[in-house]
Amino acid sequence: MPNNMIGRGLTDREVLHLCLEIEKGRCMSIANTMMETSHEELRNIYQNCFENASSNQYSLYEMMKDKGWYQSLYASKEQIGEVQELMQNNLNPDSESDEL
């Protein structure tokens, strides 16, 4: 992969970032395939693949986080409460929305 710098290879950070993005993509692809699979045995195979890809993704994330290369913002208790309320409202809509 060209990086526009002669004689310079990818850094460890760049390699881990690429690997992390690949694993995220694998997780999404496998999850989508699993949702469309009705054959139980095949679904179990995809489930195992998903668990493996998910584990790899989390390990890569942890490595990058430990090195300070991946920073996540932490939600406040208020933000968590807002999301919980939103999800509850979406999962259990009011009777008013049933009338529409």
PDB file of N, CA and C in Angstrom:
ATOM      1  N   MET A   1       0.848  -1.176   0.000  1.00  0.00           N
ATOM      2  CA  MET A   1       0.000   0.000   0.000  1.00  0.00           C
ATOM      3  C   MET A   1       0.894   1.239   0.000  1.00  0.00           C
ATOM      4  N   PRO A   2       0.773   2.089  -1.005  1.00  0.00           N
ATOM      5  CA  PRO A   2       1.612   3.288  -1.021  1.00  0.00           C
ATOM      6  C   PRO A   2       1.209   4.250   0.086  1.00  0.00           C
ATOM      7  N   ASN A   3       2.206   4.879   0.660  1.00  0.00           N
ATOM      8  CA  ASN A   3       1.905   5.827   1.729  1.00  0.00           C
ATOM      9  C   ASN A   3       2.509   7.205   1.450  1.00  0.00           C
ATOM     10  N   ASN A   4       2.877   7.437   0.178  1.00  0.00           N
ATOM     11  CA  ASN A   4       3.375   8.734  -0.266  1.00  0.00           C
ATOM     12  C   ASN A   4       4.669   9.170   0.400  1.00  0.00           C
ATOM     13  N   MET A   5       5.406   8.248   0.977  1.00  0.00           N
ATOM     14  CA  MET A   5       6.706   8.577   1.557  1.00  0.00           C
ATOM     15  C   MET A   5       7.686   7.502   1.112  1.00  0.00           C
ATOM     16  N   ILE A   6       8.657   7.888   0.330  1.00  0.00           N
ATOM     17  CA  ILE A   6       9.637   6.948  -0.206  1.00  0.00           C
ATOM     18  C   ILE A   6      10.439   6.326   0.931  1.00  0.00           C
ATOM     19  N   GLY A   7      10.551   4.984   0.898  1.00  0.00           N
ATOM     20  CA  GLY A   7      11.370   4.275   1.874  1.00  0.00           C
ATOM     21  C   GLY A   7      10.739   4.123   3.240  1.00  0.00           C
ATOM     22  N   ARG A   8       9.526   4.533   3.382  1.00  0.00           N
ATOM     23  CA  ARG A   8       8.865   4.445   4.688  1.00  0.00           C
ATOM     24  C   ARG A   8       7.788   3.378   4.628  1.00  0.00           C
ATOM     25  N   GLY A   9       7.866   2.436   5.536  1.00  0.00           N
ATOM     26  CA  GLY A   9       6.826   1.424   5.628  1.00  0.00           C
ATOM     27  C   GLY A   9       5.727   1.895   6.556  1.00  0.00           C
ATOM     28  N   LEU A  10       4.750   1.044   6.737  1.00  0.00           N
ATOM     29  CA  LEU A  10       3.666   1.374   7.656  1.00  0.00           C
ATOM     30  C   LEU A  10       4.161   1.321   9.093  1.00  0.00           C
ATOM     31  N   THR A  11       3.677   2.221   9.906  1.00  0.00           N
ATOM     32  CA  THR A  11       4.016   2.203  11.331  1.00  0.00           C
ATOM     33  C   THR A  11       3.177   1.137  12.026  1.00  0.00           C
ATOM     34  N   ASP A  12       3.577   0.787  13.238  1.00  0.00           N
ATOM     35  CA  ASP A  12       2.787  -0.162  14.024  1.00  0.00           C
ATOM     36  C   ASP A  12       1.366   0.351  14.223  1.00  0.00           C
ATOM     37  N   ARG A  13       1.234   1.627  14.459  1.00  0.00           N
ATOM     38  CA  ARG A  13      -0.087   2.230  14.641  1.00  0.00           C
ATOM     39  C   ARG A  13      -0.942   2.063  13.391  1.00  0.00           C
ATOM     40  N   GLU A  14      -0.358   2.315  12.223  1.00  0.00           N
ATOM     41  CA  GLU A  14      -1.100   2.176  10.972  1.00  0.00           C
ATOM     42  C   GLU A  14      -1.510   0.724  10.716  1.00  0.00           C
ATOM     43  N   VAL A  15      -0.612  -0.201  11.009  1.00  0.00           N
ATOM     44  CA  VAL A  15      -0.915  -1.624  10.815  1.00  0.00           C
ATOM     45  C   VAL A  15      -2.057  -2.044  11.732  1.00  0.00           C
ATOM     46  N   LEU A  16      -1.974  -1.665  13.008  1.00  0.00           N
ATOM     47  CA  LEU A  16      -3.051  -2.019  13.940  1.00  0.00           C
ATOM     48  C   LEU A  16      -4.372  -1.377  13.538  1.00  0.00           C
ATOM     49  N   HIS A  17      -4.317  -0.147  13.077  1.00  0.00           N
ATOM     50  CA  HIS A  17      -5.540   0.532  12.647  1.00  0.00           C
ATOM     51  C   HIS A  17      -6.177  -0.195  11.466  1.00  0.00           C
ATOM     52  N   LEU A  18      -5.361  -0.590  10.500  1.00  0.00           N
ATOM     53  CA  LEU A  18      -5.876  -1.334   9.346  1.00  0.00           C
ATOM     54  C   LEU A  18      -6.472  -2.673   9.782  1.00  0.00           C
ATOM     55  N   CYS A  19      -5.779  -3.372  10.662  1.00  0.00           N
ATOM     56  CA  CYS A  19      -6.287  -4.661  11.163  1.00  0.00           C
ATOM     57  C   CYS A  19      -7.603  -4.471  11.909  1.00  0.00           C
ATOM     58  N   LEU A  20      -7.692  -3.422  12.700  1.00  0.00           N
ATOM     59  CA  LEU A  20      -8.922  -3.134  13.444  1.00  0.00           C
ATOM     60  C   LEU A  20     -10.078  -2.877  12.485  1.00  0.00           C
ATOM     61  N   GLU A  21      -9.831  -2.092  11.444  1.00  0.00           N
ATOM     62  CA  GLU A  21     -10.883  -1.807  10.467  1.00  0.00           C
ATOM     63  C   GLU A  21     -11.309  -3.066   9.720  1.00  0.00           C
ATOM     64  N   ILE A  22     -10.371  -3.940   9.416  1.00  0.00           N
ATOM     65  CA  ILE A  22     -10.696  -5.206   8.747  1.00  0.00           C
ATOM     66  C   ILE A  22     -11.580  -6.060   9.648  1.00  0.00           C
ATOM     67  N   GLU A  23     -11.242  -6.159  10.931  1.00  0.00           N
ATOM     68  CA  GLU A  23     -12.038  -6.971  11.859  1.00  0.00           C
ATOM     69  C   GLU A  23     -13.428  -6.380  12.063  1.00  0.00           C
ATOM     70  N   LYS A  24     -13.526  -5.061  12.114  1.00  0.00           N
ATOM     71  CA  LYS A  24     -14.847  -4.432  12.220  1.00  0.00           C
ATOM     72  C   LYS A  24     -15.692  -4.796  11.005  1.00  0.00           C
ATOM     73  N   GLY A  25     -15.080  -4.729   9.841  1.00  0.00           N
ATOM     74  CA  GLY A  25     -15.787  -5.083   8.611  1.00  0.00           C
ATOM     75  C   GLY A  25     -16.211  -6.543   8.598  1.00  0.00           C
ATOM     76  N   ARG A  26     -15.322  -7.425   9.074  1.00  0.00           N
ATOM     77  CA  ARG A  26     -15.675  -8.840   9.158  1.00  0.00           C
ATOM     78  C   ARG A  26     -16.863  -9.046  10.081  1.00  0.00           C
ATOM     79  N   CYS A  27     -16.857  -8.378  11.233  1.00  0.00           N
ATOM     80  CA  CYS A  27     -17.968  -8.511  12.181  1.00  0.00           C
ATOM     81  C   CYS A  27     -19.284  -8.097  11.526  1.00  0.00           C
ATOM     82  N   MET A  28     -19.285  -6.965  10.838  1.00  0.00           N
ATOM     83  CA  MET A  28     -20.516  -6.489  10.205  1.00  0.00           C
ATOM     84  C   MET A  28     -20.967  -7.445   9.104  1.00  0.00           C
ATOM     85  N   SER A  29     -20.025  -7.915   8.312  1.00  0.00           N
ATOM     86  CA  SER A  29     -20.363  -8.820   7.211  1.00  0.00           C
ATOM     87  C   SER A  29     -20.922 -10.139   7.725  1.00  0.00           C
ATOM     88  N   ILE A  30     -20.269 -10.702   8.726  1.00  0.00           N
ATOM     89  CA  ILE A  30     -20.722 -11.978   9.294  1.00  0.00           C
ATOM     90  C   ILE A  30     -22.088 -11.809   9.952  1.00  0.00           C
ATOM     91  N   ALA A  31     -22.268 -10.710  10.680  1.00  0.00           N
ATOM     92  CA  ALA A  31     -23.563 -10.466  11.343  1.00  0.00           C
ATOM     93  C   ALA A  31     -24.682 -10.370  10.303  1.00  0.00           C
ATOM     94  N   ASN A  32     -24.441  -9.660   9.220  1.00  0.00           N
ATOM     95  CA  ASN A  32     -25.453  -9.542   8.166  1.00  0.00           C
ATOM     96  C   ASN A  32     -25.751 -10.902   7.550  1.00  0.00           C
ATOM     97  N   THR A  33     -24.728 -11.690   7.317  1.00  0.00           N
ATOM     98  CA  THR A  33     -24.924 -13.024   6.741  1.00  0.00           C
ATOM     99  C   THR A  33     -25.694 -13.915   7.705  1.00  0.00           C
ATOM    100  N   MET A  34     -25.352 -13.846   8.987  1.00  0.00           N
ATOM    101  CA  MET A  34     -26.035 -14.657   9.998  1.00  0.00           C
ATOM    102  C   MET A  34     -27.529 -14.352  10.035  1.00  0.00           C
ATOM    103  N   MET A  35     -27.873 -13.080   9.908  1.00  0.00           N
ATOM    104  CA  MET A  35     -29.287 -12.696   9.964  1.00  0.00           C
ATOM    105  C   MET A  35     -30.076 -13.247   8.790  1.00  0.00           C
ATOM    106  N   GLU A  36     -29.400 -13.575   7.706  1.00  0.00           N
ATOM    107  CA  GLU A  36     -30.071 -14.093   6.518  1.00  0.00           C
ATOM    108  C   GLU A  36     -29.960 -15.611   6.391  1.00  0.00           C
ATOM    109  N   THR A  37     -29.344 -16.262   7.385  1.00  0.00           N
ATOM    110  CA  THR A  37     -29.126 -17.702   7.320  1.00  0.00           C
ATOM    111  C   THR A  37     -30.163 -18.435   8.153  1.00  0.00           C
ATOM    112  N   SER A  38     -30.908 -19.323   7.507  1.00  0.00           N
ATOM    113  CA  SER A  38     -31.933 -20.079   8.231  1.00  0.00           C
ATOM    114  C   SER A  38     -31.472 -21.493   8.602  1.00  0.00           C
ATOM    115  N   HIS A  39     -30.435 -21.983   7.944  1.00  0.00           N
ATOM    116  CA  HIS A  39     -29.927 -23.331   8.234  1.00  0.00           C
ATOM    117  C   HIS A  39     -29.181 -23.297   9.568  1.00  0.00           C
ATOM    118  N   GLU A  40     -29.660 -24.060  10.543  1.00  0.00           N
ATOM    119  CA  GLU A  40     -29.136 -23.977  11.915  1.00  0.00           C
ATOM    120  C   GLU A  40     -27.646 -24.292  11.993  1.00  0.00           C
ATOM    121  N   GLU A  41     -27.200 -25.323  11.320  1.00  0.00           N
ATOM    122  CA  GLU A  41     -25.788 -25.707  11.393  1.00  0.00           C
ATOM    123  C   GLU A  41     -24.896 -24.620  10.781  1.00  0.00           C
ATOM    124  N   LEU A  42     -25.322 -24.086   9.644  1.00  0.00           N
ATOM    125  CA  LEU A  42     -24.562 -23.015   9.005  1.00  0.00           C
ATOM    126  C   LEU A  42     -24.576 -21.755   9.863  1.00  0.00           C
ATOM    127  N   ARG A  43     -25.716 -21.478  10.474  1.00  0.00           N
ATOM    128  CA  ARG A  43     -25.816 -20.324  11.371  1.00  0.00           C
ATOM    129  C   ARG A  43     -24.852 -20.454  12.549  1.00  0.00           C
ATOM    130  N   ASN A  44     -24.706 -21.663  13.094  1.00  0.00           N
ATOM    131  CA  ASN A  44     -23.764 -21.901  14.185  1.00  0.00           C
ATOM    132  C   ASN A  44     -22.322 -21.661  13.741  1.00  0.00           C
ATOM    133  N   ILE A  45     -22.019 -22.037  12.501  1.00  0.00           N
ATOM    134  CA  ILE A  45     -20.670 -21.790  11.975  1.00  0.00           C
ATOM    135  C   ILE A  45     -20.420 -20.285  11.897  1.00  0.00           C
ATOM    136  N   TYR A  46     -21.390 -19.554  11.367  1.00  0.00           N
ATOM    137  CA  TYR A  46     -21.249 -18.095  11.296  1.00  0.00           C
ATOM    138  C   TYR A  46     -21.160 -17.474  12.685  1.00  0.00           C
ATOM    139  N   GLN A  47     -21.900 -18.025  13.636  1.00  0.00           N
ATOM    140  CA  GLN A  47     -21.851 -17.519  15.007  1.00  0.00           C
ATOM    141  C   GLN A  47     -20.436 -17.659  15.571  1.00  0.00           C
ATOM    142  N   ASN A  48     -19.816 -18.814  15.341  1.00  0.00           N
ATOM    143  CA  ASN A  48     -18.439 -19.027  15.804  1.00  0.00           C
ATOM    144  C   ASN A  48     -17.477 -18.070  15.112  1.00  0.00           C
ATOM    145  N   CYS A  49     -17.678 -17.849  13.812  1.00  0.00           N
ATOM    146  CA  CYS A  49     -16.838 -16.903  13.081  1.00  0.00           C
ATOM    147  C   CYS A  49     -17.000 -15.496  13.636  1.00  0.00           C
ATOM    148  N   PHE A  50     -18.247 -15.125  13.950  1.00  0.00           N
ATOM    149  CA  PHE A  50     -18.507 -13.803  14.504  1.00  0.00           C
ATOM    150  C   PHE A  50     -17.825 -13.632  15.854  1.00  0.00           C
ATOM    151  N   GLU A  51     -17.937 -14.642  16.709  1.00  0.00           N
ATOM    152  CA  GLU A  51     -17.300 -14.564  18.026  1.00  0.00           C
ATOM    153  C   GLU A  51     -15.791 -14.415  17.893  1.00  0.00           C
ATOM    154  N   ASN A  52     -15.190 -15.121  16.944  1.00  0.00           N
ATOM    155  CA  ASN A  52     -13.758 -15.022  16.714  1.00  0.00           C
ATOM    156  C   ASN A  52     -13.380 -13.627  16.222  1.00  0.00           C
ATOM    157  N   ALA A  53     -14.099 -13.126  15.224  1.00  0.00           N
ATOM    158  CA  ALA A  53     -13.813 -11.790  14.684  1.00  0.00           C
ATOM    159  C   ALA A  53     -14.034 -10.717  15.743  1.00  0.00           C
ATOM    160  N   SER A  54     -15.090 -10.862  16.535  1.00  0.00           N
ATOM    161  CA  SER A  54     -15.387  -9.900  17.587  1.00  0.00           C
ATOM    162  C   SER A  54     -14.288  -9.892  18.653  1.00  0.00           C
ATOM    163  N   SER A  55     -13.811 -11.076  18.999  1.00  0.00           N
ATOM    164  CA  SER A  55     -12.723 -11.182  19.971  1.00  0.00           C
ATOM    165  C   SER A  55     -11.446 -10.531  19.429  1.00  0.00           C
ATOM    166  N   ASN A  56     -11.151 -10.795  18.150  1.00  0.00           N
ATOM    167  CA  ASN A  56      -9.975 -10.179  17.520  1.00  0.00           C
ATOM    168  C   ASN A  56     -10.098  -8.662  17.505  1.00  0.00           C
ATOM    169  N   GLN A  57     -11.278  -8.182  17.140  1.00  0.00           N
ATOM    170  CA  GLN A  57     -11.509  -6.738  17.082  1.00  0.00           C
ATOM    171  C   GLN A  57     -11.281  -6.108  18.443  1.00  0.00           C
ATOM    172  N   TYR A  58     -11.803  -6.740  19.493  1.00  0.00           N
ATOM    173  CA  TYR A  58     -11.663  -6.165  20.829  1.00  0.00           C
ATOM    174  C   TYR A  58     -10.201  -6.197  21.287  1.00  0.00           C
ATOM    175  N   SER A  59      -9.483  -7.266  20.958  1.00  0.00           N
ATOM    176  CA  SER A  59      -8.056  -7.347  21.319  1.00  0.00           C
ATOM    177  C   SER A  59      -7.261  -6.236  20.634  1.00  0.00           C
ATOM    178  N   LEU A  60      -7.535  -6.007  19.369  1.00  0.00           N
ATOM    179  CA  LEU A  60      -6.855  -4.932  18.642  1.00  0.00           C
ATOM    180  C   LEU A  60      -7.201  -3.570  19.240  1.00  0.00           C
ATOM    181  N   TYR A  61      -8.472  -3.377  19.549  1.00  0.00           N
ATOM    182  CA  TYR A  61      -8.911  -2.130  20.177  1.00  0.00           C
ATOM    183  C   TYR A  61      -8.167  -1.914  21.504  1.00  0.00           C
ATOM    184  N   GLU A  62      -8.103  -2.957  22.323  1.00  0.00           N
ATOM    185  CA  GLU A  62      -7.424  -2.843  23.619  1.00  0.00           C
ATOM    186  C   GLU A  62      -5.942  -2.501  23.442  1.00  0.00           C
ATOM    187  N   MET A  63      -5.279  -3.139  22.475  1.00  0.00           N
ATOM    188  CA  MET A  63      -3.867  -2.839  22.214  1.00  0.00           C
ATOM    189  C   MET A  63      -3.687  -1.373  21.853  1.00  0.00           C
ATOM    190  N   MET A  64      -4.541  -0.900  20.948  1.00  0.00           N
ATOM    191  CA  MET A  64      -4.427   0.495  20.517  1.00  0.00           C
ATOM    192  C   MET A  64      -4.753   1.454  21.660  1.00  0.00           C
ATOM    193  N   LYS A  65      -5.768   1.129  22.442  1.00  0.00           N
ATOM    194  CA  LYS A  65      -6.142   1.978  23.574  1.00  0.00           C
ATOM    195  C   LYS A  65      -5.004   2.049  24.589  1.00  0.00           C
ATOM    196  N   ASP A  66      -4.387   0.898  24.889  1.00  0.00           N
ATOM    197  CA  ASP A  66      -3.287   0.861  25.857  1.00  0.00           C
ATOM    198  C   ASP A  66      -2.098   1.697  25.408  1.00  0.00           C
ATOM    199  N   LYS A  67      -1.890   1.781  24.099  1.00  0.00           N
ATOM    200  CA  LYS A  67      -0.775   2.567  23.566  1.00  0.00           C
ATOM    201  C   LYS A  67      -1.144   4.038  23.365  1.00  0.00           C
ATOM    202  N   GLY A  68      -2.419   4.374  23.621  1.00  0.00           N
ATOM    203  CA  GLY A  68      -2.867   5.742  23.443  1.00  0.00           C
ATOM    204  C   GLY A  68      -3.180   6.075  21.991  1.00  0.00           C
ATOM    205  N   TRP A  69      -3.342   5.062  21.165  1.00  0.00           N
ATOM    206  CA  TRP A  69      -3.596   5.268  19.742  1.00  0.00           C
ATOM    207  C   TRP A  69      -5.079   5.257  19.397  1.00  0.00           C
ATOM    208  N   TYR A  70      -5.927   4.925  20.327  1.00  0.00           N
ATOM    209  CA  TYR A  70      -7.372   4.891  20.090  1.00  0.00           C
ATOM    210  C   TYR A  70      -8.027   5.439  21.341  1.00  0.00           C
ATOM    211  N   GLN A  71      -8.584   6.605  21.206  1.00  0.00           N
ATOM    212  CA  GLN A  71      -9.190   7.244  22.363  1.00  0.00           C
ATOM    213  C   GLN A  71     -10.705   7.226  22.231  1.00  0.00           C
ATOM    214  N   SER A  72     -11.346   6.745  23.249  1.00  0.00           N
ATOM    215  CA  SER A  72     -12.807   6.709  23.285  1.00  0.00           C
ATOM    216  C   SER A  72     -13.295   7.736  24.286  1.00  0.00           C
ATOM    217  N   LEU A  73     -14.372   8.386  23.930  1.00  0.00           N
ATOM    218  CA  LEU A  73     -14.996   9.311  24.868  1.00  0.00           C
ATOM    219  C   LEU A  73     -15.920   8.519  25.781  1.00  0.00           C
ATOM    220  N   TYR A  74     -15.883   8.840  27.042  1.00  0.00           N
ATOM    221  CA  TYR A  74     -16.746   8.165  28.005  1.00  0.00           C
ATOM    222  C   TYR A  74     -18.009   8.987  28.209  1.00  0.00           C
ATOM    223  N   ALA A  75     -19.114   8.304  28.224  1.00  0.00           N
ATOM    224  CA  ALA A  75     -20.401   8.972  28.410  1.00  0.00           C
ATOM    225  C   ALA A  75     -20.627   9.277  29.891  1.00  0.00           C
ATOM    226  N   SER A  76     -21.253  10.409  30.132  1.00  0.00           N
ATOM    227  CA  SER A  76     -21.631  10.765  31.500  1.00  0.00           C
ATOM    228  C   SER A  76     -22.862   9.947  31.896  1.00  0.00           C
ATOM    229  N   LYS A  77     -23.157   9.956  33.193  1.00  0.00           N
ATOM    230  CA  LYS A  77     -24.357   9.256  33.668  1.00  0.00           C
ATOM    231  C   LYS A  77     -25.607   9.848  33.037  1.00  0.00           C
ATOM    232  N   GLU A  78     -25.590  11.158  32.826  1.00  0.00           N
ATOM    233  CA  GLU A  78     -26.739  11.818  32.203  1.00  0.00           C
ATOM    234  C   GLU A  78     -26.919  11.344  30.759  1.00  0.00           C
ATOM    235  N   GLN A  79     -25.813  11.253  30.016  1.00  0.00           N
ATOM    236  CA  GLN A  79     -25.889  10.795  28.627  1.00  0.00           C
ATOM    237  C   GLN A  79     -26.373   9.346  28.546  1.00  0.00           C
ATOM    238  N   ILE A  80     -25.893   8.520  29.446  1.00  0.00           N
ATOM    239  CA  ILE A  80     -26.325   7.119  29.482  1.00  0.00           C
ATOM    240  C   ILE A  80     -27.819   7.058  29.767  1.00  0.00           C
ATOM    241  N   GLY A  81     -28.274   7.866  30.733  1.00  0.00           N
ATOM    242  CA  GLY A  81     -29.696   7.921  31.071  1.00  0.00           C
ATOM    243  C   GLY A  81     -30.542   8.362  29.887  1.00  0.00           C
ATOM    244  N   GLU A  82     -30.043   9.349  29.134  1.00  0.00           N
ATOM    245  CA  GLU A  82     -30.781   9.824  27.954  1.00  0.00           C
ATOM    246  C   GLU A  82     -30.926   8.717  26.912  1.00  0.00           C
ATOM    247  N   VAL A  83     -29.854   7.974  26.678  1.00  0.00           N
ATOM    248  CA  VAL A  83     -29.900   6.884  25.697  1.00  0.00           C
ATOM    249  C   VAL A  83     -30.817   5.772  26.183  1.00  0.00           C
ATOM    250  N   GLN A  84     -30.737   5.451  27.476  1.00  0.00           N
ATOM    251  CA  GLN A  84     -31.625   4.420  28.024  1.00  0.00           C
ATOM    252  C   GLN A  84     -33.089   4.817  27.857  1.00  0.00           C
ATOM    253  N   GLU A  85     -33.386   6.080  28.135  1.00  0.00           N
ATOM    254  CA  GLU A  85     -34.760   6.562  28.002  1.00  0.00           C
ATOM    255  C   GLU A  85     -35.213   6.513  26.544  1.00  0.00           C
ATOM    256  N   LEU A  86     -34.348   6.934  25.647  1.00  0.00           N
ATOM    257  CA  LEU A  86     -34.665   6.892  24.224  1.00  0.00           C
ATOM    258  C   LEU A  86     -34.940   5.460  23.763  1.00  0.00           C
ATOM    259  N   MET A  87     -34.088   4.525  24.196  1.00  0.00           N
ATOM    260  CA  MET A  87     -34.264   3.128  23.807  1.00  0.00           C
ATOM    261  C   MET A  87     -35.569   2.567  24.388  1.00  0.00           C
ATOM    262  N   GLN A  88     -35.865   2.895  25.629  1.00  0.00           N
ATOM    263  CA  GLN A  88     -37.110   2.432  26.234  1.00  0.00           C
ATOM    264  C   GLN A  88     -38.323   2.977  25.483  1.00  0.00           C
ATOM    265  N   ASN A  89     -38.243   4.247  25.099  1.00  0.00           N
ATOM    266  CA  ASN A  89     -39.346   4.854  24.354  1.00  0.00           C
ATOM    267  C   ASN A  89     -39.502   4.204  22.981  1.00  0.00           C
ATOM    268  N   ASN A  90     -38.405   3.818  22.371  1.00  0.00           N
ATOM    269  CA  ASN A  90     -38.469   3.167  21.064  1.00  0.00           C
ATOM    270  C   ASN A  90     -38.958   1.730  21.172  1.00  0.00           C
ATOM    271  N   LEU A  91     -38.615   1.058  22.264  1.00  0.00           N
ATOM    272  CA  LEU A  91     -39.026  -0.330  22.444  1.00  0.00           C
ATOM    273  C   LEU A  91     -40.450  -0.442  22.971  1.00  0.00           C
ATOM    274  N   ASN A  92     -40.876   0.555  23.751  1.00  0.00           N
ATOM    275  CA  ASN A  92     -42.223   0.562  24.343  1.00  0.00           C
ATOM    276  C   ASN A  92     -42.885   1.905  24.065  1.00  0.00           C
ATOM    277  N   PRO A  93     -43.297   2.134  22.830  1.00  0.00           N
ATOM    278  CA  PRO A  93     -43.865   3.458  22.501  1.00  0.00           C
ATOM    279  C   PRO A  93     -45.166   3.714  23.280  1.00  0.00           C
ATOM    280  N   ASP A  94     -45.430   4.991  23.464  1.00  0.00           N
ATOM    281  CA  ASP A  94     -46.649   5.410  24.166  1.00  0.00           C
ATOM    282  C   ASP A  94     -47.884   4.954  23.407  1.00  0.00           C
ATOM    283  N   SER A  95     -48.993   4.927  24.103  1.00  0.00           N
ATOM    284  CA  SER A  95     -50.261   4.571  23.443  1.00  0.00           C
ATOM    285  C   SER A  95     -50.658   5.637  22.440  1.00  0.00           C
ATOM    286  N   GLU A  96     -50.153   6.874  22.607  1.00  0.00           N
ATOM    287  CA  GLU A  96     -50.468   7.952  21.670  1.00  0.00           C
ATOM    288  C   GLU A  96     -49.984   7.622  20.267  1.00  0.00           C
ATOM    289  N   SER A  97     -48.797   7.026  20.170  1.00  0.00           N
ATOM    290  CA  SER A  97     -48.262   6.718  18.848  1.00  0.00           C
ATOM    291  C   SER A  97     -49.029   5.581  18.186  1.00  0.00           C
ATOM    292  N   ASP A  98     -49.735   4.754  18.982  1.00  0.00           N
ATOM    293  CA  ASP A  98     -50.556   3.677  18.433  1.00  0.00           C
ATOM    294  C   ASP A  98     -51.778   4.243  17.724  1.00  0.00           C
ATOM    295  N   GLU A  99     -52.211   5.438  18.147  1.00  0.00           N
ATOM    296  CA  GLU A  99     -53.416   6.025  17.576  1.00  0.00           C
ATOM    297  C   GLU A  99     -53.162   6.599  16.191  1.00  0.00           C
ATOM    298  N   LEU A 100     -51.919   6.831  15.832  1.00  0.00           N
ATOM    299  CA  LEU A 100     -51.596   7.420  14.529  1.00  0.00           C
ATOM    300  C   LEU A 100     -51.852   6.444  13.490  1.00  0.00           C
TER     301      LEU A 100
END
